[in-house]
Amino acid sequence: MPLHVPPAPAPALRSVLTALGSPTAVREARTPSLRAAQGPASPELPLPVYVLDRITESNPPSSARLTNWRFLVRCGDRAVAAADTMLTPDGWAFSHFFEGPYVKSTERALRQAEALPGSYQPRLLSVPELYMLTLWLHGDHTADTADGTPAADDILVPLAPAPPGIAAHRPHRAAELLPVLALRLTPSRAALLA
């Protein structure tokens, strides 16, 4: 399947390129793999990151808000880190570099997604209440990234590490996974009402 990666805002890309070109920013980053990387590092695969603050079982699914753009930082043939940008009053700006399991998991999920039928716009969807990150394959590959509503037929691929009981790298329709996530949060909410 062709993935239609949306273009990142130009200021977001420029801020990451500036940070990658700054020996101070790279040296002070908490990313040993980026500091130890041999050769030039380049930001690739910009993905808009949305946060789903409250999961509801309503139809249509809950809305998410765009919080940042994430770039995989590639050195040679592999991603060694990621770079996040954030929206400030002056526009998009570099936030930080990081590494960890979500970098490799994102790469793996994107490779997996390329084998699925159809065309999708890849995004990331964070569910902070469950400490969960998913690759969100939005069915409307021409959609404006300002729209943060998962469609029922969109595909969500939980990234590793996934919460207990949810299989990482297994694609789910949003209409199937979001209600499961809402039910997982219901017991803690019900306890508050008791």
N, C-alpha and C. Protein backbone atom coordinates (compact mmCIF):
# COMPACT_ATOMS: atom_id res chain seq x y z
N MET A 1 0.84 -1.17 0.00
CA MET A 1 0.00 0.00 0.00
C MET A 1 0.88 1.22 0.00
N PRO A 2 0.52 2.19 -0.76
CA PRO A 2 1.31 3.43 -0.68
C PRO A 2 0.93 4.22 0.56
N LEU A 3 1.93 4.62 1.31
CA LEU A 3 1.71 5.52 2.43
C LEU A 3 1.92 6.94 1.91
N HIS A 4 0.99 7.80 2.20
CA HIS A 4 1.06 9.19 1.77
C HIS A 4 1.44 10.02 3.00
N VAL A 5 2.76 10.15 3.22
CA VAL A 5 3.26 10.87 4.39
C VAL A 5 2.97 12.35 4.17
N PRO A 6 2.25 12.98 5.12
CA PRO A 6 1.93 14.40 4.94
C PRO A 6 3.19 15.25 5.11
N PRO A 7 3.26 16.35 4.40
CA PRO A 7 4.45 17.21 4.57
C PRO A 7 4.38 17.91 5.94
N ALA A 8 5.50 17.93 6.61
CA ALA A 8 5.57 18.63 7.90
C ALA A 8 5.60 20.13 7.64
N PRO A 9 5.14 20.91 8.59
CA PRO A 9 5.30 22.37 8.44
C PRO A 9 6.77 22.71 8.25
N ALA A 10 7.06 23.60 7.32
CA ALA A 10 8.45 23.97 7.01
C ALA A 10 9.22 24.41 8.24
N PRO A 11 8.63 25.22 9.15
CA PRO A 11 9.40 25.61 10.34
C PRO A 11 9.77 24.42 11.24
N ALA A 12 8.91 23.41 11.29
CA ALA A 12 9.22 22.22 12.10
C ALA A 12 10.44 21.51 11.52
N LEU A 13 10.46 21.31 10.21
CA LEU A 13 11.60 20.66 9.57
C LEU A 13 12.87 21.48 9.74
N ARG A 14 12.77 22.79 9.52
CA ARG A 14 13.95 23.64 9.67
C ARG A 14 14.51 23.58 11.09
N SER A 15 13.62 23.55 12.08
CA SER A 15 14.11 23.52 13.47
C SER A 15 14.83 22.21 13.79
N VAL A 16 14.36 21.10 13.22
CA VAL A 16 15.04 19.82 13.44
C VAL A 16 16.38 19.80 12.70
N LEU A 17 16.40 20.30 11.48
CA LEU A 17 17.67 20.37 10.74
C LEU A 17 18.69 21.23 11.48
N THR A 18 18.23 22.34 12.05
CA THR A 18 19.12 23.21 12.81
C THR A 18 19.66 22.49 14.04
N ALA A 19 18.78 21.77 14.74
CA ALA A 19 19.21 21.03 15.93
C ALA A 19 20.21 19.93 15.56
N LEU A 20 19.95 19.22 14.46
CA LEU A 20 20.88 18.17 14.02
C LEU A 20 22.23 18.75 13.62
N GLY A 21 22.23 19.98 13.14
CA GLY A 21 23.48 20.64 12.74
C GLY A 21 24.21 21.30 13.89
N SER A 22 23.60 21.28 15.06
CA SER A 22 24.21 21.91 16.22
C SER A 22 24.94 20.87 17.08
N PRO A 23 26.27 20.95 17.14
CA PRO A 23 27.00 19.99 17.97
C PRO A 23 26.54 20.02 19.43
N THR A 24 26.17 21.19 19.92
CA THR A 24 25.71 21.31 21.31
C THR A 24 24.41 20.57 21.51
N ALA A 25 23.44 20.75 20.61
CA ALA A 25 22.14 20.09 20.75
C ALA A 25 22.29 18.57 20.70
N VAL A 26 23.11 18.07 19.80
CA VAL A 26 23.30 16.63 19.67
C VAL A 26 24.08 16.09 20.87
N ARG A 27 25.13 16.80 21.27
CA ARG A 27 25.96 16.34 22.40
C ARG A 27 25.17 16.31 23.70
N GLU A 28 24.28 17.27 23.90
CA GLU A 28 23.50 17.35 25.15
C GLU A 28 22.24 16.50 25.12
N ALA A 29 21.92 15.92 23.99
CA ALA A 29 20.73 15.07 23.88
C ALA A 29 20.93 13.79 24.68
N ARG A 30 19.85 13.30 25.25
CA ARG A 30 19.92 12.04 26.01
C ARG A 30 19.73 10.85 25.07
N THR A 31 20.49 10.87 24.02
CA THR A 31 20.38 9.83 23.00
C THR A 31 21.77 9.34 22.64
N PRO A 32 22.29 8.37 23.38
CA PRO A 32 23.63 7.86 23.07
C PRO A 32 23.77 7.40 21.63
N SER A 33 22.73 6.81 21.07
CA SER A 33 22.85 6.30 19.69
C SER A 33 23.00 7.44 18.69
N LEU A 34 22.40 8.59 18.96
CA LEU A 34 22.55 9.74 18.06
C LEU A 34 23.95 10.34 18.22
N ARG A 35 24.42 10.44 19.45
CA ARG A 35 25.77 10.99 19.68
C ARG A 35 26.84 10.09 19.08
N ALA A 36 26.61 8.78 19.08
CA ALA A 36 27.61 7.83 18.58
C ALA A 36 27.47 7.55 17.09
N ALA A 37 26.44 8.08 16.46
CA ALA A 37 26.19 7.78 15.05
C ALA A 37 27.35 8.27 14.18
N GLN A 38 27.72 7.43 13.25
CA GLN A 38 28.77 7.77 12.29
C GLN A 38 28.12 8.25 11.00
N GLY A 39 28.55 9.36 10.51
CA GLY A 39 28.01 9.89 9.26
C GLY A 39 26.89 10.87 9.52
N PRO A 40 26.37 11.44 8.45
CA PRO A 40 25.32 12.45 8.59
C PRO A 40 23.99 11.84 9.02
N ALA A 41 23.26 12.59 9.84
CA ALA A 41 21.93 12.18 10.28
C ALA A 41 20.91 13.06 9.58
N SER A 42 19.81 12.44 9.16
CA SER A 42 18.79 13.22 8.46
C SER A 42 17.40 12.91 9.01
N PRO A 43 16.56 13.94 9.14
CA PRO A 43 15.20 13.71 9.60
C PRO A 43 14.34 13.20 8.45
N GLU A 44 13.61 12.12 8.71
CA GLU A 44 12.76 11.52 7.67
C GLU A 44 11.40 11.16 8.25
N LEU A 45 10.48 10.83 7.39
CA LEU A 45 9.14 10.37 7.76
C LEU A 45 8.49 11.24 8.83
N PRO A 46 8.19 12.49 8.51
CA PRO A 46 7.52 13.33 9.50
C PRO A 46 6.11 12.80 9.76
N LEU A 47 5.80 12.58 11.02
CA LEU A 47 4.48 12.08 11.38
C LEU A 47 3.82 13.02 12.37
N PRO A 48 2.60 13.46 12.07
CA PRO A 48 1.90 14.27 13.06
C PRO A 48 1.49 13.39 14.24
N VAL A 49 1.63 13.92 15.44
CA VAL A 49 1.32 13.18 16.66
C VAL A 49 0.08 13.80 17.29
N TYR A 50 -0.92 12.96 17.54
CA TYR A 50 -2.17 13.38 18.14
C TYR A 50 -2.30 12.74 19.51
N VAL A 51 -2.93 13.46 20.43
CA VAL A 51 -3.18 12.93 21.76
C VAL A 51 -4.68 12.77 21.94
N LEU A 52 -5.06 11.56 22.35
CA LEU A 52 -6.46 11.25 22.64
C LEU A 52 -6.60 11.33 24.16
N ASP A 53 -7.12 12.47 24.64
CA ASP A 53 -7.20 12.71 26.08
C ASP A 53 -8.28 11.89 26.75
N ARG A 54 -9.42 11.81 26.10
CA ARG A 54 -10.53 11.06 26.68
C ARG A 54 -11.07 10.12 25.63
N ILE A 55 -11.13 8.87 25.98
CA ILE A 55 -11.67 7.87 25.06
C ILE A 55 -13.13 7.68 25.42
N THR A 56 -13.97 7.75 24.41
CA THR A 56 -15.39 7.51 24.63
C THR A 56 -15.86 6.40 23.71
N GLU A 57 -16.96 5.79 24.08
CA GLU A 57 -17.53 4.73 23.24
C GLU A 57 -18.52 5.30 22.24
N SER A 58 -18.56 6.63 22.15
CA SER A 58 -19.54 7.27 21.29
C SER A 58 -19.25 7.03 19.82
N ASN A 59 -20.25 7.28 19.01
CA ASN A 59 -20.10 7.22 17.58
C ASN A 59 -20.34 8.61 17.04
N PRO A 60 -19.45 9.31 16.40
CA PRO A 60 -18.14 8.89 15.94
C PRO A 60 -17.15 8.81 17.10
N PRO A 61 -15.98 8.22 16.83
CA PRO A 61 -14.98 8.09 17.88
C PRO A 61 -14.53 9.45 18.41
N SER A 62 -13.88 9.39 19.52
CA SER A 62 -13.35 10.59 20.17
C SER A 62 -12.43 11.36 19.24
N SER A 63 -12.35 12.65 19.48
CA SER A 63 -11.46 13.51 18.72
C SER A 63 -10.12 13.60 19.43
N ALA A 64 -9.07 13.75 18.66
CA ALA A 64 -7.72 13.89 19.21
C ALA A 64 -7.16 15.23 18.77
N ARG A 65 -6.21 15.73 19.53
CA ARG A 65 -5.62 17.02 19.18
C ARG A 65 -4.18 16.84 18.71
N LEU A 66 -3.82 17.59 17.68
CA LEU A 66 -2.45 17.57 17.15
C LEU A 66 -1.56 18.28 18.16
N THR A 67 -0.52 17.59 18.63
CA THR A 67 0.36 18.19 19.64
C THR A 67 1.77 18.43 19.14
N ASN A 68 2.24 17.61 18.22
CA ASN A 68 3.61 17.77 17.74
C ASN A 68 3.83 17.02 16.43
N TRP A 69 4.98 17.24 15.85
CA TRP A 69 5.43 16.49 14.68
C TRP A 69 6.67 15.72 15.09
N ARG A 70 6.74 14.47 14.70
CA ARG A 70 7.88 13.61 15.04
C ARG A 70 8.57 13.19 13.75
N PHE A 71 9.89 13.29 13.77
CA PHE A 71 10.72 12.87 12.64
C PHE A 71 11.59 11.70 13.10
N LEU A 72 11.69 10.66 12.30
CA LEU A 72 12.67 9.62 12.57
C LEU A 72 14.02 10.15 12.08
N VAL A 73 15.03 10.04 12.90
CA VAL A 73 16.37 10.52 12.54
C VAL A 73 17.17 9.31 12.06
N ARG A 74 17.47 9.34 10.78
CA ARG A 74 18.15 8.21 10.14
C ARG A 74 19.63 8.53 9.96
N CYS A 75 20.41 7.52 10.22
CA CYS A 75 21.85 7.59 9.97
C CYS A 75 22.19 6.30 9.26
N GLY A 76 22.58 6.43 8.02
CA GLY A 76 22.81 5.23 7.23
C GLY A 76 21.48 4.58 6.88
N ASP A 77 21.38 3.27 7.15
CA ASP A 77 20.18 2.54 6.74
C ASP A 77 19.18 2.33 7.88
N ARG A 78 19.37 2.99 9.02
CA ARG A 78 18.44 2.76 10.13
C ARG A 78 18.17 4.05 10.90
N ALA A 79 17.04 4.04 11.57
CA ALA A 79 16.69 5.16 12.44
C ALA A 79 17.42 4.98 13.76
N VAL A 80 18.12 6.00 14.20
CA VAL A 80 18.88 5.92 15.45
C VAL A 80 18.20 6.69 16.58
N ALA A 81 17.26 7.57 16.23
CA ALA A 81 16.58 8.39 17.23
C ALA A 81 15.35 9.00 16.58
N ALA A 82 14.67 9.82 17.34
CA ALA A 82 13.55 10.60 16.81
C ALA A 82 13.71 12.02 17.31
N ALA A 83 13.11 12.94 16.60
CA ALA A 83 13.12 14.36 16.98
C ALA A 83 11.69 14.84 17.02
N ASP A 84 11.33 15.48 18.12
CA ASP A 84 10.00 16.04 18.26
C ASP A 84 10.04 17.55 18.14
N THR A 85 9.00 18.09 17.55
CA THR A 85 8.82 19.54 17.51
C THR A 85 7.52 19.84 18.24
N MET A 86 7.37 21.09 18.66
CA MET A 86 6.14 21.48 19.35
C MET A 86 5.68 22.83 18.83
N LEU A 87 4.41 23.09 19.01
CA LEU A 87 3.85 24.35 18.57
C LEU A 87 4.01 25.37 19.69
N THR A 88 4.65 26.48 19.38
CA THR A 88 4.85 27.57 20.33
C THR A 88 4.09 28.79 19.81
N PRO A 89 3.99 29.85 20.60
CA PRO A 89 3.34 31.06 20.09
C PRO A 89 3.99 31.61 18.82
N ASP A 90 5.27 31.28 18.61
CA ASP A 90 5.98 31.74 17.41
C ASP A 90 5.97 30.73 16.27
N GLY A 91 5.27 29.61 16.45
CA GLY A 91 5.19 28.59 15.41
C GLY A 91 5.86 27.30 15.87
N TRP A 92 6.12 26.40 14.92
CA TRP A 92 6.72 25.10 15.24
C TRP A 92 8.19 25.26 15.57
N ALA A 93 8.62 24.60 16.66
CA ALA A 93 10.01 24.69 17.10
C ALA A 93 10.49 23.32 17.57
N PHE A 94 11.80 23.10 17.46
CA PHE A 94 12.40 21.85 17.94
C PHE A 94 12.14 21.72 19.44
N SER A 95 11.80 20.49 19.86
CA SER A 95 11.56 20.22 21.27
C SER A 95 12.70 19.39 21.86
N HIS A 96 12.89 18.16 21.35
CA HIS A 96 13.93 17.29 21.90
C HIS A 96 14.18 16.09 21.00
N PHE A 97 15.34 15.47 21.21
CA PHE A 97 15.67 14.19 20.60
C PHE A 97 15.37 13.11 21.62
N PHE A 98 15.05 11.92 21.16
CA PHE A 98 14.90 10.78 22.07
C PHE A 98 15.14 9.50 21.31
N GLU A 99 15.35 8.43 22.07
CA GLU A 99 15.49 7.10 21.49
C GLU A 99 14.69 6.16 22.37
N GLY A 100 14.68 4.91 22.03
CA GLY A 100 13.93 3.95 22.83
C GLY A 100 13.12 3.02 21.94
N PRO A 101 12.29 2.19 22.56
CA PRO A 101 11.59 1.16 21.80
C PRO A 101 10.61 1.71 20.76
N TYR A 102 10.04 2.89 20.97
CA TYR A 102 9.07 3.40 20.01
C TYR A 102 9.69 3.78 18.67
N VAL A 103 10.99 4.06 18.65
CA VAL A 103 11.64 4.40 17.38
C VAL A 103 11.65 3.17 16.47
N LYS A 104 12.16 2.06 16.97
CA LYS A 104 12.19 0.83 16.16
C LYS A 104 10.79 0.31 15.89
N SER A 105 9.91 0.44 16.87
CA SER A 105 8.55 -0.04 16.71
C SER A 105 7.81 0.76 15.64
N THR A 106 8.06 2.05 15.58
CA THR A 106 7.43 2.89 14.54
C THR A 106 7.92 2.46 13.17
N GLU A 107 9.23 2.24 13.04
CA GLU A 107 9.78 1.78 11.76
C GLU A 107 9.15 0.45 11.35
N ARG A 108 9.04 -0.46 12.28
CA ARG A 108 8.46 -1.77 11.99
C ARG A 108 7.01 -1.64 11.56
N ALA A 109 6.23 -0.83 12.28
CA ALA A 109 4.81 -0.66 11.95
C ALA A 109 4.64 -0.01 10.58
N LEU A 110 5.52 0.92 10.23
CA LEU A 110 5.42 1.54 8.91
C LEU A 110 5.72 0.53 7.80
N ARG A 111 6.70 -0.33 8.03
CA ARG A 111 6.99 -1.39 7.04
C ARG A 111 5.79 -2.33 6.91
N GLN A 112 5.20 -2.67 8.04
CA GLN A 112 4.00 -3.52 8.06
C GLN A 112 2.87 -2.87 7.26
N ALA A 113 2.69 -1.57 7.48
CA ALA A 113 1.60 -0.84 6.85
C ALA A 113 1.73 -0.81 5.33
N GLU A 114 2.95 -0.81 4.85
CA GLU A 114 3.17 -0.79 3.39
C GLU A 114 2.64 -2.05 2.72
N ALA A 115 2.47 -3.12 3.49
CA ALA A 115 1.97 -4.39 2.93
C ALA A 115 0.45 -4.48 2.96
N LEU A 116 -0.22 -3.55 3.62
CA LEU A 116 -1.68 -3.58 3.69
C LEU A 116 -2.30 -3.04 2.41
N PRO A 117 -3.49 -3.53 2.06
CA PRO A 117 -4.16 -2.98 0.86
C PRO A 117 -4.72 -1.59 1.17
N GLY A 118 -4.78 -0.75 0.16
CA GLY A 118 -5.35 0.59 0.32
C GLY A 118 -4.27 1.65 0.42
N SER A 119 -4.73 2.90 0.52
CA SER A 119 -3.84 4.05 0.67
C SER A 119 -4.18 4.75 1.97
N TYR A 120 -3.16 5.11 2.72
CA TYR A 120 -3.36 5.71 4.03
C TYR A 120 -2.40 6.87 4.26
N GLN A 121 -2.83 7.76 5.15
CA GLN A 121 -1.96 8.82 5.65
C GLN A 121 -1.48 8.38 7.03
N PRO A 122 -0.17 8.12 7.21
CA PRO A 122 0.30 7.66 8.52
C PRO A 122 0.38 8.81 9.51
N ARG A 123 -0.04 8.52 10.73
CA ARG A 123 -0.01 9.45 11.84
C ARG A 123 0.33 8.64 13.09
N LEU A 124 0.58 9.32 14.18
CA LEU A 124 0.75 8.65 15.46
C LEU A 124 -0.36 9.12 16.39
N LEU A 125 -0.91 8.20 17.16
CA LEU A 125 -1.98 8.51 18.11
C LEU A 125 -1.54 8.04 19.49
N SER A 126 -1.45 8.98 20.41
CA SER A 126 -1.03 8.68 21.77
C SER A 126 -2.25 8.61 22.68
N VAL A 127 -2.27 7.60 23.55
CA VAL A 127 -3.34 7.44 24.55
C VAL A 127 -2.65 7.49 25.92
N PRO A 128 -2.45 8.70 26.47
CA PRO A 128 -1.68 8.83 27.70
C PRO A 128 -2.25 8.05 28.88
N GLU A 129 -3.56 7.93 28.96
CA GLU A 129 -4.17 7.21 30.09
C GLU A 129 -3.74 5.75 30.14
N LEU A 130 -3.34 5.20 29.00
CA LEU A 130 -2.90 3.80 28.96
C LEU A 130 -1.41 3.67 28.64
N TYR A 131 -0.70 4.79 28.61
CA TYR A 131 0.72 4.78 28.23
C TYR A 131 0.88 4.02 26.92
N MET A 132 0.11 4.44 25.92
CA MET A 132 0.03 3.70 24.66
C MET A 132 0.26 4.63 23.48
N LEU A 133 0.99 4.13 22.49
CA LEU A 133 1.21 4.85 21.24
C LEU A 133 0.85 3.91 20.10
N THR A 134 0.11 4.43 19.12
CA THR A 134 -0.27 3.62 17.97
C THR A 134 0.11 4.33 16.67
N LEU A 135 0.38 3.53 15.66
CA LEU A 135 0.47 4.07 14.31
C LEU A 135 -0.97 4.15 13.82
N TRP A 136 -1.39 5.33 13.44
CA TRP A 136 -2.77 5.58 12.99
C TRP A 136 -2.72 5.72 11.48
N LEU A 137 -3.35 4.81 10.79
CA LEU A 137 -3.42 4.84 9.33
C LEU A 137 -4.76 5.43 8.94
N HIS A 138 -4.74 6.72 8.63
CA HIS A 138 -5.96 7.47 8.30
C HIS A 138 -6.35 7.17 6.86
N GLY A 139 -7.59 6.75 6.67
CA GLY A 139 -8.06 6.32 5.35
C GLY A 139 -8.12 7.42 4.31
N ASP A 140 -8.26 8.67 4.73
CA ASP A 140 -8.29 9.78 3.78
C ASP A 140 -6.87 10.33 3.67
N HIS A 141 -6.12 9.84 2.68
CA HIS A 141 -4.72 10.23 2.57
C HIS A 141 -4.52 11.67 2.13
N THR A 142 -5.61 12.37 1.77
CA THR A 142 -5.51 13.77 1.39
C THR A 142 -5.98 14.69 2.51
N ALA A 143 -6.33 14.12 3.66
CA ALA A 143 -6.90 14.90 4.77
C ALA A 143 -5.91 15.94 5.30
N ASP A 144 -6.47 17.03 5.76
CA ASP A 144 -5.70 18.06 6.44
C ASP A 144 -5.28 17.51 7.80
N THR A 145 -4.04 17.68 8.16
CA THR A 145 -3.56 17.13 9.43
C THR A 145 -4.17 17.85 10.64
N ALA A 146 -4.89 18.94 10.43
CA ALA A 146 -5.56 19.62 11.54
C ALA A 146 -6.74 18.79 12.04
N ASP A 147 -7.27 17.89 11.20
CA ASP A 147 -8.39 17.04 11.60
C ASP A 147 -7.87 15.87 12.41
N GLY A 148 -8.32 15.76 13.65
CA GLY A 148 -7.84 14.71 14.53
C GLY A 148 -8.90 13.72 14.95
N THR A 149 -9.85 13.44 14.07
CA THR A 149 -10.90 12.48 14.40
C THR A 149 -10.65 11.16 13.68
N PRO A 150 -10.38 10.09 14.44
CA PRO A 150 -10.22 8.80 13.77
C PRO A 150 -11.55 8.34 13.16
N ALA A 151 -11.52 7.95 11.91
CA ALA A 151 -12.70 7.40 11.26
C ALA A 151 -12.83 5.93 11.66
N ALA A 152 -14.05 5.43 11.63
CA ALA A 152 -14.31 4.06 12.06
C ALA A 152 -13.47 3.04 11.29
N ASP A 153 -13.22 3.29 10.01
CA ASP A 153 -12.45 2.35 9.18
C ASP A 153 -10.95 2.60 9.20
N ASP A 154 -10.50 3.64 9.90
CA ASP A 154 -9.06 3.86 10.02
C ASP A 154 -8.44 2.67 10.75
N ILE A 155 -7.16 2.47 10.52
CA ILE A 155 -6.47 1.34 11.15
C ILE A 155 -5.53 1.87 12.22
N LEU A 156 -5.56 1.23 13.38
CA LEU A 156 -4.65 1.57 14.48
C LEU A 156 -3.76 0.36 14.75
N VAL A 157 -2.46 0.60 14.79
CA VAL A 157 -1.48 -0.46 15.04
C VAL A 157 -0.75 -0.12 16.33
N PRO A 158 -1.07 -0.79 17.44
CA PRO A 158 -0.36 -0.51 18.70
C PRO A 158 1.13 -0.76 18.55
N LEU A 159 1.92 0.19 19.04
CA LEU A 159 3.37 0.04 18.99
C LEU A 159 3.87 -0.64 20.25
N ALA A 160 5.01 -1.30 20.14
CA ALA A 160 5.61 -1.97 21.30
C ALA A 160 6.48 -0.96 22.05
N PRO A 161 6.40 -0.92 23.36
CA PRO A 161 5.60 -1.80 24.22
C PRO A 161 4.15 -1.33 24.29
N ALA A 162 3.26 -2.28 24.14
CA ALA A 162 1.82 -2.01 24.24
C ALA A 162 1.36 -2.35 25.66
N PRO A 163 0.23 -1.79 26.08
CA PRO A 163 -0.28 -2.13 27.41
C PRO A 163 -0.58 -3.63 27.52
N PRO A 164 -0.54 -4.17 28.73
CA PRO A 164 -0.85 -5.60 28.91
C PRO A 164 -2.21 -5.94 28.30
N GLY A 165 -2.23 -7.08 27.59
CA GLY A 165 -3.48 -7.54 26.98
C GLY A 165 -3.75 -6.99 25.60
N ILE A 166 -2.91 -6.09 25.11
CA ILE A 166 -3.08 -5.54 23.76
C ILE A 166 -1.84 -5.94 22.97
N ALA A 167 -2.05 -6.66 21.88
CA ALA A 167 -0.94 -7.16 21.08
C ALA A 167 -0.32 -6.03 20.26
N ALA A 168 0.98 -5.86 20.40
CA ALA A 168 1.69 -4.87 19.59
C ALA A 168 1.77 -5.35 18.15
N HIS A 169 1.74 -4.40 17.24
CA HIS A 169 1.89 -4.64 15.80
C HIS A 169 0.76 -5.46 15.19
N ARG A 170 -0.38 -5.48 15.84
CA ARG A 170 -1.55 -6.14 15.26
C ARG A 170 -2.53 -5.05 14.83
N PRO A 171 -2.80 -4.92 13.53
CA PRO A 171 -3.70 -3.87 13.05
C PRO A 171 -5.15 -4.10 13.50
N HIS A 172 -5.81 -3.02 13.89
CA HIS A 172 -7.22 -3.05 14.29
C HIS A 172 -7.94 -1.89 13.62
N ARG A 173 -9.19 -2.09 13.26
CA ARG A 173 -10.02 -0.96 12.84
C ARG A 173 -10.26 -0.09 14.06
N ALA A 174 -10.28 1.22 13.88
CA ALA A 174 -10.50 2.15 14.99
C ALA A 174 -11.82 1.85 15.69
N ALA A 175 -12.85 1.49 14.93
CA ALA A 175 -14.17 1.20 15.50
C ALA A 175 -14.12 -0.01 16.43
N GLU A 176 -13.12 -0.88 16.26
CA GLU A 176 -12.99 -2.06 17.11
C GLU A 176 -12.08 -1.80 18.31
N LEU A 177 -10.97 -1.08 18.10
CA LEU A 177 -10.00 -0.90 19.17
C LEU A 177 -10.40 0.19 20.16
N LEU A 178 -10.93 1.31 19.69
CA LEU A 178 -11.26 2.40 20.61
C LEU A 178 -12.27 2.00 21.68
N PRO A 179 -13.33 1.25 21.37
CA PRO A 179 -14.23 0.81 22.45
C PRO A 179 -13.54 -0.11 23.46
N VAL A 180 -12.61 -0.94 23.00
CA VAL A 180 -11.86 -1.81 23.92
C VAL A 180 -11.04 -0.95 24.88
N LEU A 181 -10.41 0.09 24.34
CA LEU A 181 -9.62 0.98 25.19
C LEU A 181 -10.51 1.72 26.17
N ALA A 182 -11.70 2.13 25.73
CA ALA A 182 -12.65 2.80 26.63
C ALA A 182 -13.07 1.88 27.76
N LEU A 183 -13.30 0.60 27.45
CA LEU A 183 -13.68 -0.36 28.49
C LEU A 183 -12.54 -0.59 29.48
N ARG A 184 -11.30 -0.55 28.99
CA ARG A 184 -10.15 -0.74 29.89
C ARG A 184 -10.07 0.38 30.91
N LEU A 185 -10.54 1.57 30.52
CA LEU A 185 -10.49 2.70 31.43
C LEU A 185 -11.73 2.78 32.32
N THR A 186 -12.80 2.08 31.95
CA THR A 186 -14.06 2.16 32.69
C THR A 186 -13.94 1.68 34.13
N PRO A 187 -13.26 0.56 34.45
CA PRO A 187 -13.20 0.12 35.84
C PRO A 187 -12.63 1.19 36.77
N SER A 188 -11.59 1.90 36.35
CA SER A 188 -11.02 2.92 37.23
C SER A 188 -11.98 4.09 37.39
N ARG A 189 -12.71 4.42 36.33
CA ARG A 189 -13.70 5.50 36.44
C ARG A 189 -14.86 5.05 37.32
N ALA A 190 -15.28 3.79 37.17
CA ALA A 190 -16.40 3.27 37.98
C ALA A 190 -16.03 3.25 39.45
N ALA A 191 -14.76 2.95 39.76
CA ALA A 191 -14.33 2.93 41.15
C ALA A 191 -14.44 4.31 41.79
N LEU A 192 -14.20 5.35 40.98
CA LEU A 192 -14.32 6.70 41.50
C LEU A 192 -15.75 7.07 41.84
N LEU A 193 -16.71 6.48 41.12
CA LEU A 193 -18.12 6.79 41.35
C LEU A 193 -18.71 5.98 42.48
N ALA A 194 -18.06 4.88 42.88
CA ALA A 194 -18.60 4.00 43.92
C ALA A 194 -18.47 4.58 45.31
